[in-house]
Amino acid sequence: MGFDDNGRAEAAVLDGGPADGLRMRVTDRPAVIQVTYPCALEGASATGVRAEALYIYRRDFRVKEAPLRYGLDGASP
């Protein structure tokens, strides 16, 4: 994944949930990061259907410098 010069890429870390401790680079300090996690399905192998659990991480605006921190929003979605 590359980053262009139009945005400022910074280090970020996720807190809580299934992605706890995951580190990444984000551009332009997004307020929200969406993480998906695949779910195992029974009897759907031939249908092409898949399901994913959705987790929302919101930026901690108290953190002003890298690494930015994003905490699990347990109430979303």
N, C-alpha and C. Protein backbone atom coordinates (compact mmCIF):
# COMPACT_ATOMS: atom_id res chain seq x y z
N MET A 1 0.85 -1.17 0.00
CA MET A 1 0.00 0.00 0.00
C MET A 1 0.89 1.23 0.00
N GLY A 2 0.69 2.10 -0.95
CA GLY A 2 1.50 3.29 -1.03
C GLY A 2 0.75 4.51 -0.55
N PHE A 3 1.47 5.53 -0.25
CA PHE A 3 0.88 6.79 0.17
C PHE A 3 1.39 7.88 -0.74
N ASP A 4 0.49 8.77 -1.16
CA ASP A 4 0.95 9.86 -2.01
C ASP A 4 1.32 11.06 -1.15
N ASP A 5 1.84 12.08 -1.79
CA ASP A 5 2.30 13.26 -1.07
C ASP A 5 1.18 14.23 -0.74
N ASN A 6 -0.05 13.94 -1.17
CA ASN A 6 -1.16 14.84 -0.91
C ASN A 6 -1.64 14.79 0.54
N GLY A 7 -1.43 13.67 1.21
CA GLY A 7 -1.84 13.53 2.60
C GLY A 7 -0.65 13.18 3.46
N ARG A 8 -0.79 13.42 4.74
CA ARG A 8 0.30 13.13 5.68
C ARG A 8 0.04 11.78 6.33
N ALA A 9 0.90 10.81 6.08
CA ALA A 9 0.75 9.48 6.67
C ALA A 9 1.42 9.46 8.04
N GLU A 10 0.71 8.89 9.02
CA GLU A 10 1.22 8.80 10.39
C GLU A 10 0.97 7.40 10.94
N ALA A 11 1.75 7.04 11.93
CA ALA A 11 1.55 5.76 12.61
C ALA A 11 0.30 5.85 13.48
N ALA A 12 -0.40 4.72 13.57
CA ALA A 12 -1.59 4.62 14.42
C ALA A 12 -1.63 3.23 15.04
N VAL A 13 -2.29 3.13 16.18
CA VAL A 13 -2.44 1.84 16.86
C VAL A 13 -3.89 1.70 17.32
N LEU A 14 -4.43 0.47 17.22
CA LEU A 14 -5.80 0.20 17.64
C LEU A 14 -5.80 -0.39 19.05
N ASP A 15 -6.76 0.06 19.87
CA ASP A 15 -6.88 -0.40 21.25
C ASP A 15 -8.19 -1.14 21.44
N GLY A 16 -8.12 -2.35 21.99
CA GLY A 16 -9.31 -3.13 22.31
C GLY A 16 -9.81 -3.96 21.14
N GLY A 17 -10.74 -4.85 21.44
CA GLY A 17 -11.37 -5.66 20.41
C GLY A 17 -10.42 -6.63 19.72
N PRO A 18 -10.86 -7.17 18.59
CA PRO A 18 -10.08 -8.20 17.91
C PRO A 18 -8.80 -7.67 17.26
N ALA A 19 -8.70 -6.37 17.06
CA ALA A 19 -7.52 -5.80 16.42
C ALA A 19 -6.62 -5.10 17.44
N ASP A 20 -6.77 -5.41 18.72
CA ASP A 20 -5.99 -4.77 19.78
C ASP A 20 -4.50 -4.85 19.49
N GLY A 21 -3.84 -3.71 19.51
CA GLY A 21 -2.40 -3.66 19.30
C GLY A 21 -1.98 -3.57 17.84
N LEU A 22 -2.92 -3.69 16.92
CA LEU A 22 -2.59 -3.61 15.50
C LEU A 22 -2.06 -2.22 15.18
N ARG A 23 -0.93 -2.20 14.48
CA ARG A 23 -0.32 -0.93 14.10
C ARG A 23 -0.47 -0.74 12.60
N MET A 24 -0.67 0.50 12.19
CA MET A 24 -0.85 0.82 10.77
C MET A 24 -0.42 2.24 10.50
N ARG A 25 -0.49 2.62 9.24
CA ARG A 25 -0.25 4.01 8.84
C ARG A 25 -1.55 4.55 8.29
N VAL A 26 -1.92 5.74 8.73
CA VAL A 26 -3.15 6.39 8.26
C VAL A 26 -2.79 7.73 7.64
N THR A 27 -3.63 8.17 6.73
CA THR A 27 -3.42 9.45 6.05
C THR A 27 -4.53 10.42 6.45
N ASP A 28 -4.17 11.63 6.76
CA ASP A 28 -5.12 12.72 7.07
C ASP A 28 -5.95 12.47 8.33
N ARG A 29 -5.44 11.69 9.26
CA ARG A 29 -6.07 11.50 10.57
C ARG A 29 -7.57 11.21 10.51
N PRO A 30 -7.98 10.10 9.91
CA PRO A 30 -9.41 9.80 9.85
C PRO A 30 -10.00 9.65 11.25
N ALA A 31 -11.26 10.02 11.40
CA ALA A 31 -11.93 9.95 12.70
C ALA A 31 -12.30 8.51 13.05
N VAL A 32 -12.49 7.67 12.03
CA VAL A 32 -12.98 6.31 12.24
C VAL A 32 -12.19 5.34 11.38
N ILE A 33 -11.88 4.17 11.94
CA ILE A 33 -11.27 3.06 11.20
C ILE A 33 -12.26 1.90 11.28
N GLN A 34 -12.54 1.29 10.15
CA GLN A 34 -13.43 0.12 10.11
C GLN A 34 -12.59 -1.13 9.94
N VAL A 35 -12.79 -2.11 10.81
CA VAL A 35 -12.07 -3.38 10.74
C VAL A 35 -13.09 -4.49 10.53
N THR A 36 -12.82 -5.38 9.60
CA THR A 36 -13.70 -6.54 9.40
C THR A 36 -12.93 -7.81 9.73
N TYR A 37 -13.67 -8.80 10.19
CA TYR A 37 -13.09 -10.08 10.57
C TYR A 37 -13.96 -11.17 9.97
N PRO A 38 -13.38 -12.10 9.20
CA PRO A 38 -14.20 -13.12 8.55
C PRO A 38 -14.86 -14.07 9.56
N CYS A 39 -16.09 -14.45 9.25
CA CYS A 39 -16.83 -15.41 10.08
C CYS A 39 -16.92 -16.73 9.32
N ALA A 40 -16.78 -17.83 10.04
CA ALA A 40 -16.93 -19.16 9.43
C ALA A 40 -18.40 -19.44 9.17
N LEU A 41 -18.70 -19.94 7.99
CA LEU A 41 -20.07 -20.29 7.62
C LEU A 41 -20.20 -21.79 7.47
N GLU A 42 -21.33 -22.30 7.80
CA GLU A 42 -21.60 -23.73 7.63
C GLU A 42 -22.48 -23.91 6.40
N GLY A 43 -22.07 -24.79 5.50
CA GLY A 43 -22.88 -25.12 4.34
C GLY A 43 -22.93 -24.06 3.27
N ALA A 44 -22.06 -23.07 3.30
CA ALA A 44 -22.10 -22.00 2.31
C ALA A 44 -20.93 -22.06 1.34
N SER A 45 -20.14 -23.12 1.39
CA SER A 45 -18.92 -23.17 0.58
C SER A 45 -19.19 -23.11 -0.92
N ALA A 46 -20.29 -23.69 -1.36
CA ALA A 46 -20.58 -23.71 -2.80
C ALA A 46 -21.34 -22.47 -3.26
N THR A 47 -21.87 -21.70 -2.34
CA THR A 47 -22.71 -20.57 -2.73
C THR A 47 -21.93 -19.29 -2.97
N GLY A 48 -20.73 -19.20 -2.48
CA GLY A 48 -19.94 -17.98 -2.62
C GLY A 48 -20.31 -16.91 -1.60
N VAL A 49 -21.20 -17.23 -0.68
CA VAL A 49 -21.61 -16.28 0.34
C VAL A 49 -20.53 -16.20 1.41
N ARG A 50 -20.32 -15.02 1.94
CA ARG A 50 -19.40 -14.86 3.06
C ARG A 50 -19.99 -13.87 4.05
N ALA A 51 -19.54 -13.93 5.27
CA ALA A 51 -20.00 -13.02 6.31
C ALA A 51 -18.77 -12.50 7.05
N GLU A 52 -18.86 -11.23 7.46
CA GLU A 52 -17.76 -10.61 8.19
C GLU A 52 -18.31 -9.84 9.37
N ALA A 53 -17.64 -9.95 10.50
CA ALA A 53 -17.98 -9.15 11.67
C ALA A 53 -17.36 -7.77 11.46
N LEU A 54 -18.08 -6.74 11.84
CA LEU A 54 -17.65 -5.36 11.64
C LEU A 54 -17.33 -4.73 12.99
N TYR A 55 -16.16 -4.11 13.07
CA TYR A 55 -15.74 -3.42 14.29
C TYR A 55 -15.35 -1.99 13.92
N ILE A 56 -15.78 -1.04 14.73
CA ILE A 56 -15.49 0.37 14.50
C ILE A 56 -14.53 0.86 15.58
N TYR A 57 -13.48 1.52 15.15
CA TYR A 57 -12.51 2.13 16.06
C TYR A 57 -12.54 3.64 15.83
N ARG A 58 -12.69 4.39 16.92
CA ARG A 58 -12.76 5.85 16.83
C ARG A 58 -11.47 6.46 17.37
N ARG A 59 -11.05 7.52 16.72
CA ARG A 59 -9.80 8.18 17.10
C ARG A 59 -9.94 8.85 18.46
N ASP A 60 -8.91 8.74 19.26
CA ASP A 60 -8.81 9.43 20.54
C ASP A 60 -8.24 10.81 20.24
N PHE A 61 -9.09 11.84 20.24
CA PHE A 61 -8.67 13.18 19.86
C PHE A 61 -7.76 13.84 20.88
N ARG A 62 -7.59 13.21 22.05
CA ARG A 62 -6.64 13.75 23.04
C ARG A 62 -5.20 13.50 22.62
N VAL A 63 -4.99 12.50 21.77
CA VAL A 63 -3.64 12.18 21.29
C VAL A 63 -3.34 13.07 20.10
N LYS A 64 -2.32 13.89 20.22
CA LYS A 64 -2.00 14.90 19.20
C LYS A 64 -0.84 14.53 18.29
N GLU A 65 -0.06 13.51 18.66
CA GLU A 65 1.08 13.13 17.83
C GLU A 65 1.16 11.61 17.71
N ALA A 66 1.92 11.16 16.73
CA ALA A 66 2.03 9.73 16.44
C ALA A 66 2.69 8.99 17.60
N PRO A 67 2.28 7.76 17.87
CA PRO A 67 1.23 7.06 17.13
C PRO A 67 -0.16 7.53 17.58
N LEU A 68 -1.01 7.80 16.59
CA LEU A 68 -2.40 8.13 16.90
C LEU A 68 -3.04 6.89 17.51
N ARG A 69 -4.07 7.09 18.33
CA ARG A 69 -4.72 5.94 18.98
C ARG A 69 -6.19 5.91 18.60
N TYR A 70 -6.65 4.70 18.32
CA TYR A 70 -8.04 4.45 17.97
C TYR A 70 -8.58 3.40 18.92
N GLY A 71 -9.68 3.72 19.62
CA GLY A 71 -10.27 2.79 20.57
C GLY A 71 -11.52 2.14 20.00
N LEU A 72 -11.75 0.89 20.38
CA LEU A 72 -12.93 0.16 19.94
C LEU A 72 -14.19 0.86 20.41
N ASP A 73 -15.11 1.07 19.51
CA ASP A 73 -16.43 1.62 19.84
C ASP A 73 -17.36 0.42 19.99
N GLY A 74 -17.55 -0.04 21.21
CA GLY A 74 -18.36 -1.22 21.47
C GLY A 74 -19.83 -1.04 21.15
N ALA A 75 -20.29 0.19 20.99
CA ALA A 75 -21.70 0.45 20.69
C ALA A 75 -21.98 0.47 19.20
N SER A 76 -20.96 0.43 18.38
CA SER A 76 -21.15 0.49 16.92
C SER A 76 -20.91 -0.88 16.33
N PRO A 77 -21.53 -1.18 15.25
CA PRO A 77 -22.58 -0.41 14.58
C PRO A 77 -23.92 -0.64 15.22
